[in-house]
């Protein structure tokens, strides 16, 4: 299903943010001084985000239950903001549950599998004034789909692990040095041979 592949628009937005952040970082110091001073975001940080996962099943399956809509997700992350423009981030994302049906009627059994990803990425920021910034993320996702309840032939089709490209873009609002809010759209690539991870989340970051 081509719609599950990281979109050209998302990849382009991420590349644009990284290029813009690199250009901003290379501007002469005097040019920065003439602009509105952006709030300081440098230093170590921890964060948490909640949102929705979507389009996770790779192929259509007559035995699947209706889980192709939005599903709950959560993300925990930490990192170090090296400068106003660039940083490093690692984290863990819990990417919804997927259901697989076996049998019919009285013999119907719903098996559940769960998507996860541990990830590491480089991040970029393009400040837009003193509080807002466009953000980009590019890294690697170590994905896995594991069984929540006993495995049968149905859920085993979903299970497995994959290492994939992680691409993300979003917008950030910096309240002060210690607190920032973010809205992000991310593609974690394949979590297993049959499942992809795509998230949209609203998060909070605490800088120390």
Foldseek 3Di string as FASTA:
>chain_A
DVVQPPDPVLVVLQVVQLVLLVVVVPDDPVVQVVAAAAFFQFAKKKKKKKFWKAQWFQDDDPQWDPPRGIFIKMKIKIWGAHGPFKTKMKIKIWHGKTWGWDDDDPPIDIWIKTKMWTWIWMKTWNDDHHFKTKIKIKTKIWMFIGTPDDDDPGCVVVGDIDIDIKIKIWMKTHPHNFKIKIWMWMWNQDNGPGTTTTTTIIMMMGGD
